[in-house]
C-alpha cells in the first residue's frame, strides 16, 4: 500500500508592513528594509517546522509602475537580506491585479487578498496543509485571505495601517504588536493543541 504524503503546515506572510517596512508603492530594491523582528520570527517558525510563504498584493505591476523584472529584483533583495542573517523563506506569491474599490473586505480577483487564490495555489504546489496553516498580515485583507482559504487562524499586526474597527472582525485570531508577537502566539497555540494536559502549565510558563 502506498504511503500517503504528509502535508506540511505553513505560515503565510504578508510582505509590506509585516516582513519588511511598509513603503507606499515600493519600486526600488534599495528601499527594502526588514522589520526589526523578522529574522527572529522566521527562525522560530523554521525551528517549529513551518513552511514560510510570502503572499503579497502587488498592484504596482498592474498599474505599470513596476515591471516583473523590477519586482523580481525587490524580492531578490528581500531574500538576500534574510540570507545574510542566516534565514530564508520557501516561496513568494504575488498578485498584480489593480483594485477597483477601496473596500479591503471585497474579493475582486481570486488571487488578490482577501481572495484565497495565492494561499490555495501555494498549498497545492508545495504540499501544504491549509487547515494546519496560519496567515499573518497587517491588513484586514490579509486576515480574510487566511479565513477564506480555510486556514487554522489569522493574526493581525498593528502597523501604521491598522484600523481599530478591524479588531472586531471574527476572523482575527489574535491582535499582535509585531511579527514576532504573532509567531509566538501561533507557536503557543500549536503547543497547547498538540500537548497532553500535564505539560500545558509548563508551556504557559515558558517564554512563548
Protein backbone atom coordinates (compact mmCIF):
# COMPACT_ATOMS: atom_id res chain seq x y z
CA UNK A 1 0.00 0.00 0.00
CA UNK A 2 1.36 3.41 -0.98
CA UNK A 3 2.30 5.72 1.88
CA UNK A 4 0.23 8.91 1.93
CA UNK A 5 2.36 12.05 1.81
CA UNK A 6 2.04 14.09 4.99
CA UNK A 7 1.17 17.71 4.24
CA UNK A 8 3.27 20.38 5.91
CA UNK A 9 1.81 23.31 7.88
CA UNK A 10 2.71 26.79 6.68
CA UNK A 11 2.74 30.36 7.84
CA UNK A 12 1.52 32.65 5.07
CA UNK A 13 3.11 36.07 5.46
CA UNK A 14 2.11 39.42 4.06
CA UNK A 15 5.15 41.30 2.75
CA UNK A 16 4.84 45.07 3.32
CA UNK A 17 4.32 46.10 6.93
CA UNK A 18 4.77 42.53 8.11
CA UNK A 19 8.06 41.11 6.85
CA UNK A 20 9.54 44.35 5.52
CA UNK A 21 8.94 48.03 6.28
CA UNK A 22 5.91 49.43 4.50
CA UNK A 23 6.79 51.74 1.60
CA UNK A 24 3.86 53.02 -0.43
CA UNK A 25 4.09 51.54 -3.94
CA UNK A 26 7.55 50.08 -3.32
CA UNK A 27 9.51 50.11 -6.59
CA UNK A 28 13.17 50.48 -5.55
CA UNK A 29 15.05 47.44 -4.19
CA UNK A 30 17.22 49.77 -2.11
CA UNK A 31 14.13 50.73 -0.11
CA UNK A 32 13.63 47.17 1.12
CA UNK A 33 14.23 47.02 4.88
CA UNK A 34 13.40 44.11 7.13
CA UNK A 35 11.04 44.62 10.04
CA UNK A 36 13.06 44.50 13.30
CA UNK A 37 11.64 41.16 14.45
CA UNK A 38 11.51 39.44 11.05
CA UNK A 39 14.64 37.31 11.44
CA UNK A 40 13.79 36.16 14.97
CA UNK A 41 10.24 35.32 13.94
CA UNK A 42 11.29 33.32 10.88
CA UNK A 43 13.92 31.48 12.91
CA UNK A 44 11.26 30.32 15.38
CA UNK A 45 9.00 29.18 12.55
CA UNK A 46 11.84 27.22 10.94
CA UNK A 47 12.64 25.50 14.22
CA UNK A 48 8.97 24.57 14.63
CA UNK A 49 8.82 23.01 11.15
CA UNK A 50 6.57 25.51 9.39
CA UNK A 51 6.96 26.40 5.73
CA UNK A 52 7.25 30.19 5.31
CA UNK A 53 5.39 31.55 2.28
CA UNK A 54 5.03 35.22 1.34
CA UNK A 55 1.73 36.19 -0.31
CA UNK A 56 1.60 39.79 -1.47
CA UNK A 57 -0.73 42.08 -3.42
CA UNK A 58 1.36 43.99 -5.96
CA UNK A 59 -0.86 46.35 -7.90
CA UNK A 60 2.25 48.39 -8.76
CA UNK A 61 2.82 45.82 -11.52
CA UNK A 62 -0.73 46.08 -12.84
CA UNK A 63 -0.54 49.87 -12.69
CA UNK A 64 2.58 49.86 -14.86
CA UNK A 65 4.70 51.40 -12.10
CA UNK A 66 6.96 48.35 -11.80
CA UNK A 67 7.95 45.63 -14.25
CA UNK A 68 8.02 41.95 -13.38
CA UNK A 69 11.81 42.14 -13.60
CA UNK A 70 11.73 45.02 -11.12
CA UNK A 71 9.53 43.02 -8.76
CA UNK A 72 11.97 40.11 -9.01
CA UNK A 73 14.77 42.49 -8.06
CA UNK A 74 12.86 43.63 -4.97
CA UNK A 75 12.25 40.04 -3.92
CA UNK A 76 15.87 39.14 -4.61
CA UNK A 77 16.87 41.98 -2.29
CA UNK A 78 14.49 40.68 0.38
CA UNK A 79 15.87 37.16 0.13
CA UNK A 80 19.45 38.45 0.20
CA UNK A 81 18.81 40.41 3.40
CA UNK A 82 17.35 37.30 5.01
CA UNK A 83 20.16 35.10 3.71
CA UNK A 84 22.71 37.46 5.23
CA UNK A 85 21.05 36.76 8.58
CA UNK A 86 21.14 33.00 8.01
CA UNK A 87 17.44 32.57 7.34
CA UNK A 88 15.21 32.10 4.31
CA UNK A 89 11.66 31.75 3.03
CA UNK A 90 10.21 28.95 0.93
CA UNK A 91 8.33 30.87 -1.74
CA UNK A 92 6.87 34.21 -2.76
CA UNK A 93 3.48 34.51 -4.46
CA UNK A 94 2.18 37.83 -5.78
CA UNK A 95 -0.95 39.21 -7.43
CA UNK A 96 -0.63 42.18 -9.86
CA UNK A 97 -4.39 42.85 -10.06
CA UNK A 98 -5.34 46.53 -9.73
CA UNK A 99 -8.27 47.01 -7.29
CA UNK A 100 -11.34 48.88 -8.43
CA UNK A 101 -12.58 49.64 -4.92
CA UNK A 102 -11.09 50.74 -1.59
CA UNK A 103 -13.10 48.06 0.24
CA UNK A 104 -10.44 45.76 1.69
CA UNK A 105 -13.02 43.09 2.51
CA UNK A 106 -14.28 42.61 -1.04
CA UNK A 107 -12.88 39.88 -3.28
CA UNK A 108 -12.33 41.37 -6.75
CA UNK A 109 -9.89 38.73 -8.01
CA UNK A 110 -9.36 35.23 -6.63
CA UNK A 111 -5.63 35.87 -6.15
CA UNK A 112 -5.82 39.35 -4.69
CA UNK A 113 -6.21 39.27 -0.92
CA UNK A 114 -8.81 38.96 0.63
CA UNK A 115 -9.18 36.34 -2.09
CA UNK A 116 -7.65 32.98 -1.14
CA UNK A 117 -6.07 32.17 -4.51
CA UNK A 118 -2.40 32.64 -3.67
CA UNK A 119 -2.67 30.58 -0.49
CA UNK A 120 -4.57 27.76 -2.17
CA UNK A 121 -2.15 27.66 -5.10
CA UNK A 122 0.83 27.53 -2.75
CA UNK A 123 -0.79 24.72 -0.81
CA UNK A 124 -1.37 22.70 -3.95
CA UNK A 125 2.06 23.33 -5.45
CA UNK A 126 4.04 22.91 -2.22
CA UNK A 127 2.11 20.14 -0.47
CA UNK A 128 0.86 22.31 2.40
CA UNK A 129 -1.94 21.65 4.85
CA UNK A 130 -4.22 24.68 4.75
CA UNK A 131 -6.18 23.52 7.78
CA UNK A 132 -2.99 23.49 9.88
CA UNK A 133 -1.64 26.77 8.47
CA UNK A 134 -1.89 30.38 9.63
CA UNK A 135 -1.94 33.80 7.95
CA UNK A 136 -0.11 36.84 9.34
CA UNK A 137 -0.54 40.37 7.97
CA UNK A 138 -1.19 43.99 8.84
CA UNK A 139 -4.46 44.44 6.94
CA UNK A 140 -7.95 43.02 7.27
CA UNK A 141 -7.50 41.77 3.69
CA UNK A 142 -4.68 39.51 4.94
CA UNK A 143 -6.81 38.15 7.77
CA UNK A 144 -9.73 37.47 5.45
CA UNK A 145 -7.48 35.79 2.88
CA UNK A 146 -6.46 33.31 5.55
CA UNK A 147 -10.07 32.74 6.61
CA UNK A 148 -11.31 32.41 3.02
CA UNK A 149 -8.60 29.85 2.28
CA UNK A 150 -9.56 27.79 5.32
CA UNK A 151 -6.51 28.46 7.48
CA UNK A 152 -6.48 27.47 11.14
CA UNK A 153 -6.27 31.14 12.12
CA UNK A 154 -5.09 34.61 11.16
CA UNK A 155 -3.07 37.18 13.13
CA UNK A 156 -3.42 40.92 12.55
CA UNK A 157 -0.37 43.11 13.17
CA UNK A 158 -0.91 46.65 14.45
CA UNK A 159 1.14 48.53 11.86
CA UNK A 160 0.69 52.12 10.73
CA UNK A 161 -2.17 50.91 8.52
CA UNK A 162 -4.10 49.43 11.44
CA UNK A 163 -7.74 50.43 11.86
CA UNK A 164 -9.36 49.83 15.28
CA UNK A 165 -12.57 48.52 13.71
CA UNK A 166 -10.67 45.56 12.24
CA UNK A 167 -10.17 44.18 15.76
CA UNK A 168 -13.86 43.32 15.95
CA UNK A 169 -13.73 41.04 12.92
CA UNK A 170 -14.49 37.45 13.91
CA UNK A 171 -11.71 36.26 11.61
CA UNK A 172 -8.98 37.92 13.71
CA UNK A 173 -7.50 35.16 15.88
CA UNK A 174 -5.00 37.47 17.59
CA UNK A 175 -4.06 41.16 17.50
CA UNK A 176 -0.25 41.28 17.52
CA UNK A 177 2.17 44.11 18.16
CA UNK A 178 4.62 42.83 15.53
CA UNK A 179 5.59 39.71 13.57
CA UNK A 180 7.43 38.08 16.45
CA UNK A 181 4.46 38.56 18.76
CA UNK A 182 2.20 36.90 16.18
CA UNK A 183 4.59 33.98 15.74
CA UNK A 184 4.86 33.42 19.50
CA UNK A 185 1.07 33.34 19.73
CA UNK A 186 0.86 30.74 16.95
CA UNK A 187 3.57 28.55 18.43
CA UNK A 188 1.98 28.74 21.86
CA UNK A 189 -1.42 27.82 20.42
CA UNK A 190 0.12 24.95 18.46
CA UNK A 191 1.95 23.61 21.50
CA UNK A 192 -1.20 23.70 23.59
CA UNK A 193 -3.17 21.90 20.89
CA UNK A 194 -0.57 19.17 20.47
CA UNK A 195 0.45 18.68 24.11
CA UNK A 196 -1.05 16.49 26.85
CA UNK A 197 -2.73 18.28 29.73
CA UNK A 198 0.09 17.64 32.18
CA UNK A 199 2.57 19.89 30.37
CA UNK A 200 0.26 22.78 29.50
CA UNK A 201 1.20 24.62 32.68
CA UNK A 202 4.88 24.33 31.80
CA UNK A 203 4.25 25.69 28.32
CA UNK A 204 2.23 28.61 29.70
CA UNK A 205 5.12 29.48 32.00
CA UNK A 206 7.65 29.50 29.14
CA UNK A 207 8.74 32.46 27.03
CA UNK A 208 6.22 31.51 24.38
